[in-house]
Amino acid sequence: QVQLVESGGGLVQPGGSLRLSCAASGSINIASMGWYRQAPGKQREWVAGITSGGTTNYADSVKGRFTISRDIAKNTVYLQMNSLKSEDTAVYYCRRSYGIRNDWGQGTQVTVSS
């Protein structure tokens, strides 16, 4: 099975930045990759995505602040998060979609607090 391992989460002050990484055991250049997040008591929500062709898209709540990118040679997807707000606090999950198959990482905690 495809394994996804997120890293880069942590504690950051409002207005700060973090870069999350998602290392995949399966090829990402043939798959659609996405970042999702889930706060306690809330449903998991989509944050950003990048298609196999490299097209990116973002949720309105993060547009202009977050950037999704990939390094095909490293088989790794990134989420650069700038101008972080308290409402960005959540566990962030990486997702790989290929055909009808979907694989999820176990998540990395991002906490935005003073």
C-alpha atoms as a PDB file:
ATOM      1  CA  GLN A   1       0.000   0.000   0.000  1.00  0.00           C
ATOM      2  CA  VAL A   2       1.007   3.599  -0.512  1.00  0.00           C
ATOM      3  CA  GLN A   3       2.345   5.178   2.639  1.00  0.00           C
ATOM      4  CA  LEU A   4       2.205   8.916   3.304  1.00  0.00           C
ATOM      5  CA  VAL A   5       4.193  10.502   6.122  1.00  0.00           C
ATOM      6  CA  GLU A   6       3.560  14.112   7.102  1.00  0.00           C
ATOM      7  CA  SER A   7       6.081  16.238   8.952  1.00  0.00           C
ATOM      8  CA  GLY A   8       6.814  19.869   9.744  1.00  0.00           C
ATOM      9  CA  GLY A   9       3.986  20.659  12.115  1.00  0.00           C
ATOM     10  CA  GLY A  10       4.478  22.489  15.365  1.00  0.00           C
ATOM     11  CA  LEU A  11       3.663  25.563  17.411  1.00  0.00           C
ATOM     12  CA  VAL A  12       3.802  28.944  15.714  1.00  0.00           C
ATOM     13  CA  GLN A  13       2.639  32.440  16.627  1.00  0.00           C
ATOM     14  CA  PRO A  14      -0.098  34.213  14.663  1.00  0.00           C
ATOM     15  CA  GLY A  15       1.385  35.716  11.532  1.00  0.00           C
ATOM     16  CA  GLY A  16       4.126  33.116  11.422  1.00  0.00           C
ATOM     17  CA  SER A  17       4.939  30.452   8.861  1.00  0.00           C
ATOM     18  CA  LEU A  18       5.361  26.699   8.648  1.00  0.00           C
ATOM     19  CA  ARG A  19       6.131  24.312   5.825  1.00  0.00           C
ATOM     20  CA  LEU A  20       4.580  20.872   5.934  1.00  0.00           C
ATOM     21  CA  SER A  21       5.999  17.925   4.021  1.00  0.00           C
ATOM     22  CA  CYS A  22       4.335  14.750   2.799  1.00  0.00           C
ATOM     23  CA  ALA A  23       6.689  11.965   1.782  1.00  0.00           C
ATOM     24  CA  ALA A  24       4.997   9.311  -0.344  1.00  0.00           C
ATOM     25  CA  SER A  25       6.019   5.739  -1.064  1.00  0.00           C
ATOM     26  CA  GLY A  26       4.007   5.774  -4.286  1.00  0.00           C
ATOM     27  CA  SER A  27       4.571   8.036  -7.265  1.00  0.00           C
ATOM     28  CA  ILE A  28       2.985  11.453  -6.906  1.00  0.00           C
ATOM     29  CA  ASN A  29       3.447  12.619 -10.486  1.00  0.00           C
ATOM     30  CA  ILE A  30       0.684  10.295 -11.693  1.00  0.00           C
ATOM     31  CA  ALA A  31      -1.648  11.133  -8.827  1.00  0.00           C
ATOM     32  CA  SER A  32      -3.628  14.015  -7.445  1.00  0.00           C
ATOM     33  CA  MET A  33      -2.319  15.158  -4.087  1.00  0.00           C
ATOM     34  CA  GLY A  34      -4.099  17.181  -1.470  1.00  0.00           C
ATOM     35  CA  TRP A  35      -3.854  18.661   1.977  1.00  0.00           C
ATOM     36  CA  TYR A  36      -6.737  18.476   4.420  1.00  0.00           C
ATOM     37  CA  ARG A  37      -7.132  19.580   8.013  1.00  0.00           C
ATOM     38  CA  GLN A  38      -9.309  18.688  10.959  1.00  0.00           C
ATOM     39  CA  ALA A  39      -9.787  20.633  14.169  1.00  0.00           C
ATOM     40  CA  PRO A  40     -11.303  19.046  17.302  1.00  0.00           C
ATOM     41  CA  GLY A  41     -15.069  18.772  16.994  1.00  0.00           C
ATOM     42  CA  LYS A  42     -15.028  19.701  13.317  1.00  0.00           C
ATOM     43  CA  GLN A  43     -15.220  17.744  10.085  1.00  0.00           C
ATOM     44  CA  ARG A  44     -12.142  17.224   7.991  1.00  0.00           C
ATOM     45  CA  GLU A  45     -11.923  19.936   5.356  1.00  0.00           C
ATOM     46  CA  TRP A  46     -10.028  20.255   2.119  1.00  0.00           C
ATOM     47  CA  VAL A  47      -7.288  22.881   2.112  1.00  0.00           C
ATOM     48  CA  ALA A  48      -5.284  22.614  -1.110  1.00  0.00           C
ATOM     49  CA  GLY A  49      -4.698  20.296  -4.024  1.00  0.00           C
ATOM     50  CA  ILE A  50      -2.375  19.689  -6.935  1.00  0.00           C
ATOM     51  CA  THR A  51      -3.291  17.508  -9.902  1.00  0.00           C
ATOM     52  CA  SER A  52      -1.016  15.085 -11.705  1.00  0.00           C
ATOM     53  CA  GLY A  53      -0.571  17.805 -14.313  1.00  0.00           C
ATOM     54  CA  GLY A  54       0.552  20.333 -11.719  1.00  0.00           C
ATOM     55  CA  THR A  55      -2.581  22.452 -11.496  1.00  0.00           C
ATOM     56  CA  THR A  56      -3.140  23.858  -8.003  1.00  0.00           C
ATOM     57  CA  ASN A  57      -6.275  24.926  -6.190  1.00  0.00           C
ATOM     58  CA  TYR A  58      -7.057  26.251  -2.723  1.00  0.00           C
ATOM     59  CA  ALA A  59      -9.863  26.665  -0.276  1.00  0.00           C
ATOM     60  CA  ASP A  60     -11.026  30.259   0.005  1.00  0.00           C
ATOM     61  CA  SER A  61      -9.954  30.356   3.648  1.00  0.00           C
ATOM     62  CA  VAL A  62      -6.279  29.843   2.770  1.00  0.00           C
ATOM     63  CA  LYS A  63      -6.042  31.382  -0.691  1.00  0.00           C
ATOM     64  CA  GLY A  64      -3.179  33.845  -0.885  1.00  0.00           C
ATOM     65  CA  ARG A  65      -1.577  32.496   2.301  1.00  0.00           C
ATOM     66  CA  PHE A  66      -0.877  28.820   1.557  1.00  0.00           C
ATOM     67  CA  THR A  67       1.000  27.295  -1.362  1.00  0.00           C
ATOM     68  CA  ILE A  68       1.007  23.634  -2.357  1.00  0.00           C
ATOM     69  CA  SER A  69       3.951  22.344  -4.354  1.00  0.00           C
ATOM     70  CA  ARG A  70       5.720  19.100  -5.170  1.00  0.00           C
ATOM     71  CA  ASP A  71       9.201  17.757  -5.726  1.00  0.00           C
ATOM     72  CA  ILE A  72       8.790  14.792  -8.045  1.00  0.00           C
ATOM     73  CA  ALA A  73      12.395  13.656  -7.608  1.00  0.00           C
ATOM     74  CA  LYS A  74      11.873  13.478  -3.841  1.00  0.00           C
ATOM     75  CA  ASN A  75       8.320  12.138  -4.222  1.00  0.00           C
ATOM     76  CA  THR A  76       7.276  14.767  -1.710  1.00  0.00           C
ATOM     77  CA  VAL A  77       4.447  17.285  -1.551  1.00  0.00           C
ATOM     78  CA  TYR A  78       4.693  20.474   0.471  1.00  0.00           C
ATOM     79  CA  LEU A  79       2.323  22.972   1.995  1.00  0.00           C
ATOM     80  CA  GLN A  80       3.870  26.356   2.676  1.00  0.00           C
ATOM     81  CA  MET A  81       1.716  28.175   5.212  1.00  0.00           C
ATOM     82  CA  ASN A  82       2.219  31.912   5.714  1.00  0.00           C
ATOM     83  CA  SER A  83       0.363  34.546   7.724  1.00  0.00           C
ATOM     84  CA  LEU A  84      -0.999  31.843   9.976  1.00  0.00           C
ATOM     85  CA  LYS A  85      -4.129  32.498  12.008  1.00  0.00           C
ATOM     86  CA  SER A  86      -5.531  30.826  15.093  1.00  0.00           C
ATOM     87  CA  GLU A  87      -8.263  29.256  12.964  1.00  0.00           C
ATOM     88  CA  ASP A  88      -5.569  27.373  11.046  1.00  0.00           C
ATOM     89  CA  THR A  89      -4.954  25.250  14.140  1.00  0.00           C
ATOM     90  CA  ALA A  90      -5.682  21.636  13.210  1.00  0.00           C
ATOM     91  CA  VAL A  91      -4.195  18.288  12.373  1.00  0.00           C
ATOM     92  CA  TYR A  92      -3.098  18.449   8.752  1.00  0.00           C
ATOM     93  CA  TYR A  93      -3.382  15.357   6.565  1.00  0.00           C
ATOM     94  CA  CYS A  94      -1.876  14.488   3.219  1.00  0.00           C
ATOM     95  CA  ARG A  95      -3.966  12.585   0.684  1.00  0.00           C
ATOM     96  CA  ARG A  96      -3.012  10.763  -2.515  1.00  0.00           C
ATOM     97  CA  SER A  97      -5.670   9.959  -5.089  1.00  0.00           C
ATOM     98  CA  TYR A  98      -5.003   7.662  -8.029  1.00  0.00           C
ATOM     99  CA  GLY A  99      -7.879   6.262 -10.001  1.00  0.00           C
ATOM    100  CA  ILE A 100     -10.413   5.101  -7.447  1.00  0.00           C
ATOM    101  CA  ARG A 101      -7.767   4.629  -4.762  1.00  0.00           C
ATOM    102  CA  ASN A 102      -7.270   7.066  -1.903  1.00  0.00           C
ATOM    103  CA  ASP A 103      -4.491   6.968   0.674  1.00  0.00           C
ATOM    104  CA  TRP A 104      -4.123   9.130   3.766  1.00  0.00           C
ATOM    105  CA  GLY A 105      -1.273  10.013   6.043  1.00  0.00           C
ATOM    106  CA  GLN A 106      -1.606   9.996   9.812  1.00  0.00           C
ATOM    107  CA  GLY A 107      -1.386  13.752  10.142  1.00  0.00           C
ATOM    108  CA  THR A 108       0.793  16.395  11.730  1.00  0.00           C
ATOM    109  CA  GLN A 109      -0.366  18.894  14.349  1.00  0.00           C
ATOM    110  CA  VAL A 110      -0.263  22.608  13.605  1.00  0.00           C
ATOM    111  CA  THR A 111      -0.982  24.956  16.500  1.00  0.00           C
ATOM    112  CA  VAL A 112      -1.182  28.716  15.985  1.00  0.00           C
ATOM    113  CA  SER A 113      -1.146  30.487  19.324  1.00  0.00           C
ATOM    114  CA  SER A 114       0.444  33.366  21.196  1.00  0.00           C
END
